[in-house]
N, C-alpha and C. Protein backbone atom coordinates (compact mmCIF):
# COMPACT_ATOMS: atom_id res chain seq x y z
N UNK A 1 -38.76 -13.10 -38.69
CA UNK A 1 -38.47 -12.84 -40.09
C UNK A 1 -37.67 -14.00 -40.67
N UNK A 2 -38.00 -14.38 -41.86
CA UNK A 2 -37.25 -15.42 -42.55
C UNK A 2 -36.08 -14.75 -43.28
N UNK A 3 -34.98 -14.57 -42.55
CA UNK A 3 -33.83 -13.85 -43.09
C UNK A 3 -33.17 -14.57 -44.25
N UNK A 4 -33.19 -15.90 -44.21
CA UNK A 4 -32.58 -16.65 -45.31
C UNK A 4 -33.37 -16.45 -46.61
N UNK A 5 -34.69 -16.43 -46.52
CA UNK A 5 -35.51 -16.16 -47.71
C UNK A 5 -35.27 -14.74 -48.22
N UNK A 6 -35.11 -13.79 -47.30
CA UNK A 6 -34.82 -12.41 -47.69
C UNK A 6 -33.45 -12.34 -48.37
N UNK A 7 -32.50 -13.10 -47.88
CA UNK A 7 -31.16 -13.15 -48.47
C UNK A 7 -31.26 -13.70 -49.90
N UNK A 8 -32.02 -14.78 -50.07
CA UNK A 8 -32.20 -15.36 -51.41
C UNK A 8 -32.82 -14.36 -52.37
N UNK A 9 -33.84 -13.64 -51.91
CA UNK A 9 -34.50 -12.64 -52.76
C UNK A 9 -33.56 -11.48 -53.08
N UNK A 10 -32.71 -11.12 -52.14
CA UNK A 10 -31.73 -10.06 -52.37
C UNK A 10 -30.77 -10.48 -53.48
N UNK A 11 -30.29 -11.71 -53.42
CA UNK A 11 -29.38 -12.22 -54.45
C UNK A 11 -30.09 -12.31 -55.80
N UNK A 12 -31.34 -12.75 -55.78
CA UNK A 12 -32.11 -12.84 -57.03
C UNK A 12 -32.30 -11.46 -57.66
N UNK A 13 -32.57 -10.46 -56.83
CA UNK A 13 -32.74 -9.10 -57.34
C UNK A 13 -31.42 -8.58 -57.92
N UNK A 14 -30.32 -8.86 -57.25
CA UNK A 14 -29.00 -8.44 -57.75
C UNK A 14 -28.71 -9.11 -59.10
N UNK A 15 -29.04 -10.39 -59.20
CA UNK A 15 -28.83 -11.12 -60.46
C UNK A 15 -29.69 -10.52 -61.56
N UNK A 16 -30.95 -10.23 -61.26
CA UNK A 16 -31.88 -9.66 -62.24
C UNK A 16 -31.35 -8.33 -62.79
N UNK A 17 -30.72 -7.55 -61.91
CA UNK A 17 -30.20 -6.23 -62.31
C UNK A 17 -28.75 -6.30 -62.78
N UNK A 18 -28.26 -7.51 -63.03
CA UNK A 18 -26.90 -7.70 -63.56
C UNK A 18 -25.81 -7.06 -62.71
N UNK A 19 -25.87 -7.31 -61.41
CA UNK A 19 -24.81 -6.81 -60.53
C UNK A 19 -23.48 -7.39 -60.99
N UNK A 20 -22.44 -6.56 -61.10
CA UNK A 20 -21.12 -7.05 -61.55
C UNK A 20 -20.56 -8.13 -60.62
N UNK A 21 -19.95 -9.15 -61.21
CA UNK A 21 -19.36 -10.25 -60.44
C UNK A 21 -18.23 -9.77 -59.54
N UNK A 22 -17.31 -8.98 -60.07
CA UNK A 22 -16.14 -8.47 -59.35
C UNK A 22 -15.42 -9.57 -58.55
N UNK A 23 -14.92 -10.61 -59.23
CA UNK A 23 -14.22 -11.68 -58.50
C UNK A 23 -13.12 -11.12 -57.61
N UNK A 24 -13.05 -11.62 -56.40
CA UNK A 24 -12.04 -11.19 -55.44
C UNK A 24 -12.44 -9.99 -54.61
N UNK A 25 -13.55 -9.34 -54.96
CA UNK A 25 -14.03 -8.18 -54.21
C UNK A 25 -15.08 -8.61 -53.20
N UNK A 26 -15.09 -7.97 -52.04
CA UNK A 26 -16.09 -8.30 -51.02
C UNK A 26 -17.43 -7.64 -51.30
N UNK A 27 -17.51 -6.81 -52.34
CA UNK A 27 -18.79 -6.16 -52.65
C UNK A 27 -19.32 -6.57 -54.03
N UNK A 28 -18.74 -7.58 -54.64
CA UNK A 28 -19.22 -8.07 -55.93
C UNK A 28 -20.25 -9.17 -55.79
N UNK A 29 -20.93 -9.46 -56.88
CA UNK A 29 -21.97 -10.49 -56.88
C UNK A 29 -21.40 -11.87 -56.54
N UNK A 30 -20.19 -12.16 -57.02
CA UNK A 30 -19.58 -13.46 -56.74
C UNK A 30 -19.45 -13.69 -55.23
N UNK A 31 -19.02 -12.66 -54.52
CA UNK A 31 -18.86 -12.78 -53.06
C UNK A 31 -20.21 -12.93 -52.37
N UNK A 32 -21.20 -12.18 -52.83
CA UNK A 32 -22.53 -12.29 -52.21
C UNK A 32 -23.12 -13.68 -52.41
N UNK A 33 -22.91 -14.25 -53.60
CA UNK A 33 -23.38 -15.63 -53.83
C UNK A 33 -22.69 -16.60 -52.88
N UNK A 34 -21.40 -16.42 -52.68
CA UNK A 34 -20.68 -17.33 -51.77
C UNK A 34 -21.16 -17.14 -50.33
N UNK A 35 -21.48 -15.89 -49.96
CA UNK A 35 -22.03 -15.64 -48.63
C UNK A 35 -23.34 -16.39 -48.44
N UNK A 36 -24.21 -16.35 -49.47
CA UNK A 36 -25.49 -17.06 -49.38
C UNK A 36 -25.26 -18.56 -49.25
N UNK A 37 -24.32 -19.10 -50.02
CA UNK A 37 -24.02 -20.53 -49.92
C UNK A 37 -23.62 -20.91 -48.50
N UNK A 38 -22.77 -20.09 -47.89
CA UNK A 38 -22.33 -20.36 -46.52
C UNK A 38 -23.51 -20.22 -45.55
N UNK A 39 -24.32 -19.17 -45.72
CA UNK A 39 -25.47 -18.95 -44.84
C UNK A 39 -26.46 -20.11 -44.92
N UNK A 40 -26.59 -20.69 -46.11
CA UNK A 40 -27.53 -21.81 -46.28
C UNK A 40 -27.03 -23.09 -45.62
N UNK A 41 -25.80 -23.10 -45.14
CA UNK A 41 -25.27 -24.28 -44.45
C UNK A 41 -25.99 -24.52 -43.13
N UNK A 42 -26.68 -23.47 -42.63
CA UNK A 42 -27.49 -23.63 -41.43
C UNK A 42 -26.74 -23.50 -40.12
N UNK A 43 -25.52 -23.07 -40.14
CA UNK A 43 -24.73 -23.00 -38.93
C UNK A 43 -24.59 -21.58 -38.40
N UNK A 44 -25.57 -20.73 -38.68
CA UNK A 44 -25.52 -19.34 -38.28
C UNK A 44 -26.55 -19.04 -37.21
N UNK A 45 -26.19 -18.15 -36.30
CA UNK A 45 -27.19 -17.61 -35.38
C UNK A 45 -28.04 -16.62 -36.17
N UNK A 46 -29.22 -16.31 -35.66
CA UNK A 46 -30.10 -15.33 -36.32
C UNK A 46 -29.42 -13.97 -36.38
N UNK A 47 -28.68 -13.61 -35.34
CA UNK A 47 -28.04 -12.30 -35.35
C UNK A 47 -26.93 -12.22 -36.41
N UNK A 48 -26.15 -13.29 -36.55
CA UNK A 48 -25.11 -13.29 -37.58
C UNK A 48 -25.73 -13.28 -38.97
N UNK A 49 -26.77 -14.06 -39.16
CA UNK A 49 -27.46 -14.07 -40.45
C UNK A 49 -28.00 -12.68 -40.77
N UNK A 50 -28.51 -11.98 -39.77
CA UNK A 50 -29.01 -10.63 -39.96
C UNK A 50 -27.91 -9.67 -40.38
N UNK A 51 -26.74 -9.82 -39.79
CA UNK A 51 -25.60 -8.96 -40.17
C UNK A 51 -25.18 -9.23 -41.62
N UNK A 52 -25.14 -10.49 -41.99
CA UNK A 52 -24.76 -10.85 -43.35
C UNK A 52 -25.81 -10.37 -44.36
N UNK A 53 -27.07 -10.51 -44.01
CA UNK A 53 -28.14 -10.01 -44.88
C UNK A 53 -27.99 -8.51 -45.06
N UNK A 54 -27.76 -7.78 -44.00
CA UNK A 54 -27.57 -6.34 -44.08
C UNK A 54 -26.40 -5.96 -44.97
N UNK A 55 -25.30 -6.70 -44.84
CA UNK A 55 -24.13 -6.44 -45.69
C UNK A 55 -24.48 -6.68 -47.15
N UNK A 56 -25.13 -7.80 -47.44
CA UNK A 56 -25.48 -8.12 -48.82
C UNK A 56 -26.41 -7.07 -49.40
N UNK A 57 -27.41 -6.65 -48.61
CA UNK A 57 -28.35 -5.65 -49.11
C UNK A 57 -27.66 -4.31 -49.32
N UNK A 58 -26.77 -3.94 -48.46
CA UNK A 58 -26.02 -2.70 -48.62
C UNK A 58 -25.16 -2.76 -49.87
N UNK A 59 -24.49 -3.88 -50.11
CA UNK A 59 -23.63 -4.02 -51.29
C UNK A 59 -24.44 -3.92 -52.58
N UNK A 60 -25.64 -4.49 -52.59
CA UNK A 60 -26.48 -4.44 -53.78
C UNK A 60 -26.92 -2.99 -54.05
N UNK A 61 -27.35 -2.29 -53.02
CA UNK A 61 -27.76 -0.89 -53.19
C UNK A 61 -26.57 -0.05 -53.62
N UNK A 62 -25.42 -0.24 -52.98
CA UNK A 62 -24.23 0.55 -53.29
C UNK A 62 -23.68 0.28 -54.69
N UNK A 63 -24.03 -0.86 -55.28
CA UNK A 63 -23.55 -1.20 -56.62
C UNK A 63 -24.13 -0.30 -57.70
N UNK A 64 -25.14 0.49 -57.34
CA UNK A 64 -25.74 1.46 -58.27
C UNK A 64 -26.23 0.78 -59.55
N UNK A 65 -27.02 -0.28 -59.35
CA UNK A 65 -27.54 -1.04 -60.48
C UNK A 65 -29.04 -0.83 -60.65
N UNK A 66 -29.58 0.15 -59.96
CA UNK A 66 -31.01 0.44 -60.06
C UNK A 66 -31.83 -0.11 -58.91
N UNK A 67 -31.16 -0.62 -57.89
CA UNK A 67 -31.82 -1.12 -56.69
C UNK A 67 -31.62 -0.09 -55.60
N UNK A 68 -32.69 0.23 -54.87
CA UNK A 68 -32.62 1.25 -53.83
C UNK A 68 -33.01 0.65 -52.48
N UNK A 69 -32.78 1.43 -51.43
CA UNK A 69 -33.07 0.98 -50.07
C UNK A 69 -34.52 0.52 -49.93
N UNK A 70 -35.46 1.22 -50.55
CA UNK A 70 -36.87 0.81 -50.45
C UNK A 70 -37.09 -0.59 -51.01
N UNK A 71 -36.32 -1.00 -52.01
CA UNK A 71 -36.43 -2.36 -52.53
C UNK A 71 -36.05 -3.38 -51.46
N UNK A 72 -35.02 -3.05 -50.70
CA UNK A 72 -34.58 -3.95 -49.63
C UNK A 72 -35.60 -3.98 -48.49
N UNK A 73 -36.17 -2.83 -48.19
CA UNK A 73 -37.21 -2.79 -47.17
C UNK A 73 -38.40 -3.64 -47.59
N UNK A 74 -38.75 -3.57 -48.86
CA UNK A 74 -39.87 -4.37 -49.38
C UNK A 74 -39.58 -5.87 -49.21
N UNK A 75 -38.37 -6.29 -49.57
CA UNK A 75 -37.98 -7.69 -49.40
C UNK A 75 -38.11 -8.10 -47.93
N UNK A 76 -37.58 -7.27 -47.04
CA UNK A 76 -37.61 -7.61 -45.62
C UNK A 76 -39.04 -7.68 -45.10
N UNK A 77 -39.88 -6.75 -45.52
CA UNK A 77 -41.29 -6.78 -45.09
C UNK A 77 -41.98 -8.03 -45.62
N UNK A 78 -41.68 -8.40 -46.85
CA UNK A 78 -42.31 -9.57 -47.46
C UNK A 78 -42.01 -10.84 -46.67
N UNK A 79 -40.89 -10.87 -45.99
CA UNK A 79 -40.49 -12.07 -45.22
C UNK A 79 -40.64 -11.88 -43.72
N UNK A 80 -41.33 -10.81 -43.31
CA UNK A 80 -41.47 -10.52 -41.89
C UNK A 80 -42.61 -11.29 -41.24
N UNK A 81 -43.52 -11.79 -42.03
CA UNK A 81 -44.68 -12.47 -41.47
C UNK A 81 -45.78 -11.52 -41.05
N UNK A 82 -45.60 -10.23 -41.32
CA UNK A 82 -46.59 -9.21 -40.98
C UNK A 82 -47.33 -8.81 -42.24
N UNK A 83 -48.63 -8.61 -42.15
CA UNK A 83 -49.42 -8.17 -43.29
C UNK A 83 -49.43 -6.67 -43.36
N UNK A 84 -49.15 -6.13 -44.53
CA UNK A 84 -49.14 -4.69 -44.75
C UNK A 84 -50.23 -4.33 -45.76
N UNK A 85 -50.81 -3.17 -45.60
CA UNK A 85 -51.72 -2.62 -46.59
C UNK A 85 -50.90 -1.75 -47.52
N UNK A 86 -51.09 -1.92 -48.83
CA UNK A 86 -50.28 -1.21 -49.79
C UNK A 86 -50.99 0.01 -50.35
N UNK A 87 -50.22 1.03 -50.66
CA UNK A 87 -50.73 2.25 -51.27
C UNK A 87 -51.21 1.92 -52.68
N UNK A 88 -52.43 2.30 -53.04
CA UNK A 88 -52.91 2.01 -54.39
C UNK A 88 -52.19 2.83 -55.46
N UNK A 89 -51.51 3.89 -55.06
CA UNK A 89 -50.81 4.73 -56.02
C UNK A 89 -49.45 4.20 -56.42
N UNK A 90 -48.68 3.71 -55.43
CA UNK A 90 -47.31 3.31 -55.74
C UNK A 90 -46.98 1.89 -55.30
N UNK A 91 -47.83 1.27 -54.48
CA UNK A 91 -47.58 -0.09 -54.04
C UNK A 91 -46.72 -0.21 -52.80
N UNK A 92 -46.24 0.91 -52.26
CA UNK A 92 -45.46 0.86 -51.02
C UNK A 92 -46.39 0.63 -49.83
N UNK A 93 -45.88 0.02 -48.77
CA UNK A 93 -46.72 -0.19 -47.58
C UNK A 93 -47.23 1.13 -47.01
N UNK A 94 -48.49 1.13 -46.63
CA UNK A 94 -49.07 2.31 -45.99
C UNK A 94 -48.66 2.32 -44.53
N UNK A 95 -48.14 3.41 -44.08
CA UNK A 95 -47.82 3.60 -42.68
C UNK A 95 -47.99 5.08 -42.39
N UNK A 96 -47.65 5.50 -41.20
CA UNK A 96 -47.86 6.90 -40.83
C UNK A 96 -47.08 7.85 -41.73
N UNK A 97 -45.93 7.45 -42.22
CA UNK A 97 -45.12 8.35 -43.03
C UNK A 97 -45.58 8.38 -44.49
N UNK A 98 -46.34 7.39 -44.91
CA UNK A 98 -46.74 7.30 -46.32
C UNK A 98 -48.23 7.52 -46.50
N UNK A 99 -49.01 7.06 -45.59
CA UNK A 99 -50.48 7.20 -45.52
C UNK A 99 -51.17 7.76 -46.77
N UNK A 100 -50.94 7.13 -47.90
CA UNK A 100 -51.65 7.50 -49.12
C UNK A 100 -51.20 8.80 -49.75
N UNK A 101 -49.97 9.25 -49.44
CA UNK A 101 -49.50 10.54 -49.93
C UNK A 101 -49.44 10.61 -51.44
N UNK A 102 -49.41 9.47 -52.12
CA UNK A 102 -49.33 9.51 -53.58
C UNK A 102 -50.56 8.84 -54.19
N UNK A 103 -51.64 8.74 -53.45
CA UNK A 103 -52.83 8.07 -53.93
C UNK A 103 -53.24 8.58 -55.31
N UNK A 104 -53.42 7.64 -56.23
CA UNK A 104 -53.88 7.98 -57.56
C UNK A 104 -52.76 8.33 -58.53
N UNK A 105 -51.50 8.32 -58.08
CA UNK A 105 -50.40 8.60 -58.99
C UNK A 105 -49.80 7.29 -59.45
N UNK A 106 -49.01 7.35 -60.47
CA UNK A 106 -48.33 6.14 -60.94
C UNK A 106 -46.84 6.34 -60.94
């Protein structure tokens, strides 16, 4: 998985939804941007980058700005290198738990 690309998309989604800056807070947009800057320095192990990505995604969802866990799952899948078939009804990946359960709905 390209975790750095997923991190960038997470930050872009937070920016799009006007996540509050909250300077000095570890859960504000300003802190997440600084985390991305540090992560882009290239001196992280994959496991540490994964932990930071998880923290950033959790902070964005917890900010209650209209972003939900499924949005983060979508970002992660998009950067996983795996091809998914999408539900024609809602656009979510088809899997055993979703298997077209909303086919034809919008």
